[in-house]
Amino acid sequence: MSNIEIEYCVPCGYLDRALDLQRAVLQNFGRTVDRAALVTGEAGVLQVRVDGEAVWDIADDEYDVDEVVRRVKQAL
């Protein structure tokens, strides 16, 4: 099983977005992942990693929960 980490910028107020991503990941893959953890960060970060490998980053991509779910699915 896989580990998913959602790192989010606390000063930027990305907690709500991180929670939305976590909820979507757990709803779609809850039985096939060991954990979907929120990790606090800074400097504008909002990134999703599967087993340590970045699959989505707000620095490179538009915020779209459905796209994040697709990328997590591909990585799993």
PDB file of N, CA and C in Angstrom:
ATOM      1  N   MET A   1       0.840  -1.184   0.000  1.00  0.00           N
ATOM      2  CA  MET A   1       0.000   0.000   0.000  1.00  0.00           C
ATOM      3  C   MET A   1       0.878   1.237   0.000  1.00  0.00           C
ATOM      4  N   SER A   2       0.292   2.347  -0.373  1.00  0.00           N
ATOM      5  CA  SER A   2       1.047   3.574  -0.580  1.00  0.00           C
ATOM      6  C   SER A   2       0.754   4.620   0.487  1.00  0.00           C
ATOM      7  N   ASN A   3       1.694   5.556   0.594  1.00  0.00           N
ATOM      8  CA  ASN A   3       1.546   6.704   1.480  1.00  0.00           C
ATOM      9  C   ASN A   3       1.404   7.967   0.632  1.00  0.00           C
ATOM     10  N   ILE A   4       0.431   8.774   0.970  1.00  0.00           N
ATOM     11  CA  ILE A   4       0.210  10.036   0.269  1.00  0.00           C
ATOM     12  C   ILE A   4       0.425  11.166   1.255  1.00  0.00           C
ATOM     13  N   GLU A   5       1.194  12.150   0.823  1.00  0.00           N
ATOM     14  CA  GLU A   5       1.435  13.344   1.635  1.00  0.00           C
ATOM     15  C   GLU A   5       0.949  14.564   0.878  1.00  0.00           C
ATOM     16  N   ILE A   6       0.258  15.431   1.582  1.00  0.00           N
ATOM     17  CA  ILE A   6      -0.207  16.686   1.015  1.00  0.00           C
ATOM     18  C   ILE A   6       0.440  17.790   1.845  1.00  0.00           C
ATOM     19  N   GLU A   7       1.453  18.410   1.280  1.00  0.00           N
ATOM     20  CA  GLU A   7       2.157  19.482   1.970  1.00  0.00           C
ATOM     21  C   GLU A   7       1.524  20.806   1.570  1.00  0.00           C
ATOM     22  N   TYR A   8       1.230  21.640   2.557  1.00  0.00           N
ATOM     23  CA  TYR A   8       0.542  22.901   2.280  1.00  0.00           C
ATOM     24  C   TYR A   8       1.166  24.053   3.064  1.00  0.00           C
ATOM     25  N   CYS A   9       1.102  25.226   2.483  1.00  0.00           N
ATOM     26  CA  CYS A   9       1.649  26.440   3.083  1.00  0.00           C
ATOM     27  C   CYS A   9       0.679  26.964   4.139  1.00  0.00           C
ATOM     28  N   VAL A  10       1.132  26.985   5.393  1.00  0.00           N
ATOM     29  CA  VAL A  10       0.302  27.483   6.483  1.00  0.00           C
ATOM     30  C   VAL A  10       0.068  28.988   6.344  1.00  0.00           C
ATOM     31  N   PRO A  11       1.125  29.817   6.156  1.00  0.00           N
ATOM     32  CA  PRO A  11       0.900  31.256   6.055  1.00  0.00           C
ATOM     33  C   PRO A  11       0.011  31.665   4.865  1.00  0.00           C
ATOM     34  N   CYS A  12      -0.014  30.843   3.825  1.00  0.00           N
ATOM     35  CA  CYS A  12      -0.818  31.160   2.635  1.00  0.00           C
ATOM     36  C   CYS A  12      -2.300  30.840   2.827  1.00  0.00           C
ATOM     37  N   GLY A  13      -2.614  30.112   3.880  1.00  0.00           N
ATOM     38  CA  GLY A  13      -3.995  29.736   4.122  1.00  0.00           C
ATOM     39  C   GLY A  13      -4.474  28.596   3.241  1.00  0.00           C
ATOM     40  N   TYR A  14      -3.584  27.669   2.898  1.00  0.00           N
ATOM     41  CA  TYR A  14      -3.929  26.546   2.015  1.00  0.00           C
ATOM     42  C   TYR A  14      -4.545  25.358   2.756  1.00  0.00           C
ATOM     43  N   LEU A  15      -4.833  25.495   4.028  1.00  0.00           N
ATOM     44  CA  LEU A  15      -5.381  24.377   4.788  1.00  0.00           C
ATOM     45  C   LEU A  15      -6.680  23.861   4.177  1.00  0.00           C
ATOM     46  N   ASP A  16      -7.597  24.745   3.812  1.00  0.00           N
ATOM     47  CA  ASP A  16      -8.866  24.290   3.233  1.00  0.00           C
ATOM     48  C   ASP A  16      -8.649  23.506   1.943  1.00  0.00           C
ATOM     49  N   ARG A  17      -7.743  23.970   1.106  1.00  0.00           N
ATOM     50  CA  ARG A  17      -7.451  23.246  -0.132  1.00  0.00           C
ATOM     51  C   ARG A  17      -6.822  21.890   0.176  1.00  0.00           C
ATOM     52  N   ALA A  18      -5.911  21.869   1.145  1.00  0.00           N
ATOM     53  CA  ALA A  18      -5.265  20.611   1.526  1.00  0.00           C
ATOM     54  C   ALA A  18      -6.296  19.618   2.069  1.00  0.00           C
ATOM     55  N   LEU A  19      -7.230  20.104   2.864  1.00  0.00           N
ATOM     56  CA  LEU A  19      -8.286  19.238   3.391  1.00  0.00           C
ATOM     57  C   LEU A  19      -9.178  18.707   2.273  1.00  0.00           C
ATOM     58  N   ASP A  20      -9.490  19.556   1.291  1.00  0.00           N
ATOM     59  CA  ASP A  20     -10.282  19.102   0.143  1.00  0.00           C
ATOM     60  C   ASP A  20      -9.553  18.010  -0.630  1.00  0.00           C
ATOM     61  N   LEU A  21      -8.246  18.184  -0.819  1.00  0.00           N
ATOM     62  CA  LEU A  21      -7.452  17.172  -1.516  1.00  0.00           C
ATOM     63  C   LEU A  21      -7.399  15.879  -0.717  1.00  0.00           C
ATOM     64  N   GLN A  22      -7.202  15.989   0.589  1.00  0.00           N
ATOM     65  CA  GLN A  22      -7.150  14.808   1.441  1.00  0.00           C
ATOM     66  C   GLN A  22      -8.479  14.055   1.386  1.00  0.00           C
ATOM     67  N   ARG A  23      -9.570  14.782   1.485  1.00  0.00           N
ATOM     68  CA  ARG A  23     -10.894  14.157   1.444  1.00  0.00           C
ATOM     69  C   ARG A  23     -11.106  13.420   0.121  1.00  0.00           C
ATOM     70  N   ALA A  24     -10.751  14.062  -0.985  1.00  0.00           N
ATOM     71  CA  ALA A  24     -10.928  13.446  -2.306  1.00  0.00           C
ATOM     72  C   ALA A  24     -10.076  12.198  -2.447  1.00  0.00           C
ATOM     73  N   VAL A  25      -8.851  12.259  -1.971  1.00  0.00           N
ATOM     74  CA  VAL A  25      -7.958  11.096  -2.052  1.00  0.00           C
ATOM     75  C   VAL A  25      -8.514   9.944  -1.221  1.00  0.00           C
ATOM     76  N   LEU A  26      -8.962  10.233  -0.010  1.00  0.00           N
ATOM     77  CA  LEU A  26      -9.487   9.176   0.850  1.00  0.00           C
ATOM     78  C   LEU A  26     -10.793   8.602   0.323  1.00  0.00           C
ATOM     79  N   GLN A  27     -11.635   9.444  -0.243  1.00  0.00           N
ATOM     80  CA  GLN A  27     -12.894   8.946  -0.813  1.00  0.00           C
ATOM     81  C   GLN A  27     -12.638   8.018  -1.997  1.00  0.00           C
ATOM     82  N   ASN A  28     -11.626   8.333  -2.779  1.00  0.00           N
ATOM     83  CA  ASN A  28     -11.336   7.547  -3.977  1.00  0.00           C
ATOM     84  C   ASN A  28     -10.423   6.353  -3.723  1.00  0.00           C
ATOM     85  N   PHE A  29      -9.485   6.478  -2.795  1.00  0.00           N
ATOM     86  CA  PHE A  29      -8.460   5.454  -2.633  1.00  0.00           C
ATOM     87  C   PHE A  29      -8.279   4.991  -1.195  1.00  0.00           C
ATOM     88  N   GLY A  30      -9.219   5.280  -0.335  1.00  0.00           N
ATOM     89  CA  GLY A  30      -9.095   4.991   1.094  1.00  0.00           C
ATOM     90  C   GLY A  30      -8.757   3.551   1.430  1.00  0.00           C
ATOM     91  N   ARG A  31      -9.192   2.630   0.610  1.00  0.00           N
ATOM     92  CA  ARG A  31      -8.920   1.216   0.889  1.00  0.00           C
ATOM     93  C   ARG A  31      -7.587   0.743   0.323  1.00  0.00           C
ATOM     94  N   THR A  32      -6.969   1.580  -0.484  1.00  0.00           N
ATOM     95  CA  THR A  32      -5.733   1.148  -1.144  1.00  0.00           C
ATOM     96  C   THR A  32      -4.505   1.942  -0.715  1.00  0.00           C
ATOM     97  N   VAL A  33      -4.664   2.832   0.269  1.00  0.00           N
ATOM     98  CA  VAL A  33      -3.520   3.596   0.770  1.00  0.00           C
ATOM     99  C   VAL A  33      -3.383   3.382   2.270  1.00  0.00           C
ATOM    100  N   ASP A  34      -2.144   3.448   2.749  1.00  0.00           N
ATOM    101  CA  ASP A  34      -1.904   3.333   4.180  1.00  0.00           C
ATOM    102  C   ASP A  34      -2.279   4.619   4.903  1.00  0.00           C
ATOM    103  N   ARG A  35      -1.970   5.751   4.259  1.00  0.00           N
ATOM    104  CA  ARG A  35      -2.293   7.028   4.890  1.00  0.00           C
ATOM    105  C   ARG A  35      -2.346   8.128   3.845  1.00  0.00           C
ATOM    106  N   ALA A  36      -3.072   9.166   4.185  1.00  0.00           N
ATOM    107  CA  ALA A  36      -3.111  10.400   3.407  1.00  0.00           C
ATOM    108  C   ALA A  36      -2.879  11.513   4.425  1.00  0.00           C
ATOM    109  N   ALA A  37      -1.636  11.915   4.559  1.00  0.00           N
ATOM    110  CA  ALA A  37      -1.222  12.809   5.635  1.00  0.00           C
ATOM    111  C   ALA A  37      -1.097  14.250   5.166  1.00  0.00           C
ATOM    112  N   LEU A  38      -1.472  15.160   6.062  1.00  0.00           N
ATOM    113  CA  LEU A  38      -1.247  16.580   5.834  1.00  0.00           C
ATOM    114  C   LEU A  38       0.092  16.943   6.469  1.00  0.00           C
ATOM    115  N   VAL A  39       0.900  17.690   5.727  1.00  0.00           N
ATOM    116  CA  VAL A  39       2.223  18.101   6.186  1.00  0.00           C
ATOM    117  C   VAL A  39       2.293  19.616   6.068  1.00  0.00           C
ATOM    118  N   THR A  40       2.618  20.289   7.169  1.00  0.00           N
ATOM    119  CA  THR A  40       2.695  21.743   7.132  1.00  0.00           C
ATOM    120  C   THR A  40       3.961  22.201   6.420  1.00  0.00           C
ATOM    121  N   GLY A  41       3.837  23.338   5.730  1.00  0.00           N
ATOM    122  CA  GLY A  41       4.965  23.883   4.994  1.00  0.00           C
ATOM    123  C   GLY A  41       4.872  25.395   4.905  1.00  0.00           C
ATOM    124  N   GLU A  42       5.734  25.967   4.093  1.00  0.00           N
ATOM    125  CA  GLU A  42       5.814  27.415   3.907  1.00  0.00           C
ATOM    126  C   GLU A  42       6.112  27.721   2.454  1.00  0.00           C
ATOM    127  N   ALA A  43       6.310  28.989   2.181  1.00  0.00           N
ATOM    128  CA  ALA A  43       6.803  29.474   0.881  1.00  0.00           C
ATOM    129  C   ALA A  43       5.881  29.117  -0.280  1.00  0.00           C
ATOM    130  N   GLY A  44       4.569  29.101  -0.028  1.00  0.00           N
ATOM    131  CA  GLY A  44       3.611  28.902  -1.112  1.00  0.00           C
ATOM    132  C   GLY A  44       3.421  27.475  -1.562  1.00  0.00           C
ATOM    133  N   VAL A  45       3.930  26.515  -0.802  1.00  0.00           N
ATOM    134  CA  VAL A  45       3.860  25.119  -1.222  1.00  0.00           C
ATOM    135  C   VAL A  45       2.436  24.564  -1.098  1.00  0.00           C
ATOM    136  N   LEU A  46       2.037  23.841  -2.090  1.00  0.00           N
ATOM    137  CA  LEU A  46       0.860  22.969  -2.058  1.00  0.00           C
ATOM    138  C   LEU A  46       1.207  21.859  -3.030  1.00  0.00           C
ATOM    139  N   GLN A  47       1.581  20.725  -2.458  1.00  0.00           N
ATOM    140  CA  GLN A  47       2.122  19.635  -3.272  1.00  0.00           C
ATOM    141  C   GLN A  47       1.575  18.304  -2.777  1.00  0.00           C
ATOM    142  N   VAL A  48       1.326  17.401  -3.710  1.00  0.00           N
ATOM    143  CA  VAL A  48       0.862  16.053  -3.385  1.00  0.00           C
ATOM    144  C   VAL A  48       1.939  15.065  -3.815  1.00  0.00           C
ATOM    145  N   ARG A  49       2.322  14.197  -2.872  1.00  0.00           N
ATOM    146  CA  ARG A  49       3.334  13.182  -3.142  1.00  0.00           C
ATOM    147  C   ARG A  49       2.759  11.796  -2.872  1.00  0.00           C
ATOM    148  N   VAL A  50       3.107  10.857  -3.710  1.00  0.00           N
ATOM    149  CA  VAL A  50       2.753   9.456  -3.519  1.00  0.00           C
ATOM    150  C   VAL A  50       4.059   8.693  -3.329  1.00  0.00           C
ATOM    151  N   ASP A  51       4.214   8.097  -2.161  1.00  0.00           N
ATOM    152  CA  ASP A  51       5.443   7.373  -1.817  1.00  0.00           C
ATOM    153  C   ASP A  51       6.687   8.220  -2.073  1.00  0.00           C
ATOM    154  N   GLY A  52       6.608   9.497  -1.695  1.00  0.00           N
ATOM    155  CA  GLY A  52       7.743  10.405  -1.804  1.00  0.00           C
ATOM    156  C   GLY A  52       7.925  11.072  -3.153  1.00  0.00           C
ATOM    157  N   GLU A  53       7.190  10.656  -4.141  1.00  0.00           N
ATOM    158  CA  GLU A  53       7.307  11.189  -5.504  1.00  0.00           C
ATOM    159  C   GLU A  53       6.216  12.239  -5.740  1.00  0.00           C
ATOM    160  N   ALA A  54       6.617  13.460  -6.098  1.00  0.00           N
ATOM    161  CA  ALA A  54       5.644  14.521  -6.360  1.00  0.00           C
ATOM    162  C   ALA A  54       4.821  14.185  -7.606  1.00  0.00           C
ATOM    163  N   VAL A  55       3.498  14.214  -7.449  1.00  0.00           N
ATOM    164  CA  VAL A  55       2.612  13.946  -8.586  1.00  0.00           C
ATOM    165  C   VAL A  55       1.831  15.192  -8.997  1.00  0.00           C
ATOM    166  N   TRP A  56       1.783  16.199  -8.111  1.00  0.00           N
ATOM    167  CA  TRP A  56       1.102  17.453  -8.430  1.00  0.00           C
ATOM    168  C   TRP A  56       1.688  18.542  -7.557  1.00  0.00           C
ATOM    169  N   ASP A  57       1.855  19.743  -8.162  1.00  0.00           N
ATOM    170  CA  ASP A  57       2.420  20.885  -7.444  1.00  0.00           C
ATOM    171  C   ASP A  57       1.738  22.145  -7.938  1.00  0.00           C
ATOM    172  N   ILE A  58       1.244  22.968  -7.020  1.00  0.00           N
ATOM    173  CA  ILE A  58       0.549  24.189  -7.405  1.00  0.00           C
ATOM    174  C   ILE A  58       1.479  25.163  -8.134  1.00  0.00           C
ATOM    175  N   ALA A  59       2.784  25.013  -7.930  1.00  0.00           N
ATOM    176  CA  ALA A  59       3.747  25.868  -8.620  1.00  0.00           C
ATOM    177  C   ALA A  59       3.749  25.601 -10.122  1.00  0.00           C
ATOM    178  N   ASP A  60       3.330  24.396 -10.508  1.00  0.00           N
ATOM    179  CA  ASP A  60       3.354  23.999 -11.914  1.00  0.00           C
ATOM    180  C   ASP A  60       1.977  23.828 -12.531  1.00  0.00           C
ATOM    181  N   ASP A  61       0.974  23.617 -11.694  1.00  0.00           N
ATOM    182  CA  ASP A  61      -0.339  23.244 -12.198  1.00  0.00           C
ATOM    183  C   ASP A  61      -1.452  24.060 -11.539  1.00  0.00           C
ATOM    184  N   GLU A  62      -2.551  24.213 -12.251  1.00  0.00           N
ATOM    185  CA  GLU A  62      -3.734  24.876 -11.718  1.00  0.00           C
ATOM    186  C   GLU A  62      -4.365  23.990 -10.651  1.00  0.00           C
ATOM    187  N   TYR A  63      -4.939  24.606  -9.630  1.00  0.00           N
ATOM    188  CA  TYR A  63      -5.604  23.848  -8.572  1.00  0.00           C
ATOM    189  C   TYR A  63      -6.879  23.234  -9.123  1.00  0.00           C
ATOM    190  N   ASP A  64      -6.920  21.914  -9.178  1.00  0.00           N
ATOM    191  CA  ASP A  64      -8.063  21.168  -9.698  1.00  0.00           C
ATOM    192  C   ASP A  64      -8.074  19.812  -8.993  1.00  0.00           C
ATOM    193  N   VAL A  65      -9.019  19.652  -8.085  1.00  0.00           N
ATOM    194  CA  VAL A  65      -9.084  18.434  -7.282  1.00  0.00           C
ATOM    195  C   VAL A  65      -9.194  17.197  -8.169  1.00  0.00           C
ATOM    196  N   ASP A  66     -10.010  17.264  -9.216  1.00  0.00           N
ATOM    197  CA  ASP A  66     -10.176  16.106 -10.099  1.00  0.00           C
ATOM    198  C   ASP A  66      -8.862  15.726 -10.785  1.00  0.00           C
ATOM    199  N   GLU A  67      -8.086  16.721 -11.175  1.00  0.00           N
ATOM    200  CA  GLU A  67      -6.790  16.438 -11.799  1.00  0.00           C
ATOM    201  C   GLU A  67      -5.839  15.787 -10.802  1.00  0.00           C
ATOM    202  N   VAL A  68      -5.850  16.259  -9.570  1.00  0.00           N
ATOM    203  CA  VAL A  68      -5.001  15.657  -8.540  1.00  0.00           C
ATOM    204  C   VAL A  68      -5.389  14.196  -8.337  1.00  0.00           C
ATOM    205  N   VAL A  69      -6.678  13.907  -8.275  1.00  0.00           N
ATOM    206  CA  VAL A  69      -7.142  12.530  -8.107  1.00  0.00           C
ATOM    207  C   VAL A  69      -6.675  11.664  -9.278  1.00  0.00           C
ATOM    208  N   ARG A  70      -6.746  12.192 -10.495  1.00  0.00           N
ATOM    209  CA  ARG A  70      -6.273  11.438 -11.661  1.00  0.00           C
ATOM    210  C   ARG A  70      -4.787  11.115 -11.544  1.00  0.00           C
ATOM    211  N   ARG A  71      -4.007  12.093 -11.104  1.00  0.00           N
ATOM    212  CA  ARG A  71      -2.566  11.871 -11.006  1.00  0.00           C
ATOM    213  C   ARG A  71      -2.208  10.890  -9.888  1.00  0.00           C
ATOM    214  N   VAL A  72      -2.929  10.967  -8.794  1.00  0.00           N
ATOM    215  CA  VAL A  72      -2.703  10.008  -7.708  1.00  0.00           C
ATOM    216  C   VAL A  72      -3.049   8.606  -8.205  1.00  0.00           C
ATOM    217  N   LYS A  73      -4.149   8.480  -8.923  1.00  0.00           N
ATOM    218  CA  LYS A  73      -4.547   7.173  -9.474  1.00  0.00           C
ATOM    219  C   LYS A  73      -3.459   6.606 -10.373  1.00  0.00           C
ATOM    220  N   GLN A  74      -2.879   7.451 -11.233  1.00  0.00           N
ATOM    221  CA  GLN A  74      -1.808   7.002 -12.123  1.00  0.00           C
ATOM    222  C   GLN A  74      -0.598   6.531 -11.317  1.00  0.00           C
ATOM    223  N   ALA A  75      -0.299   7.226 -10.236  1.00  0.00           N
ATOM    224  CA  ALA A  75       0.877   6.886  -9.428  1.00  0.00           C
ATOM    225  C   ALA A  75       0.666   5.613  -8.613  1.00  0.00           C
ATOM    226  N   LEU A  76      -0.576   5.338  -8.274  1.00  0.00           N
ATOM    227  CA  LEU A  76      -0.859   4.121  -7.500  1.00  0.00           C
ATOM    228  C   LEU A  76      -0.804   2.926  -8.408  1.00  0.00           C
TER     229      LEU A  76
END
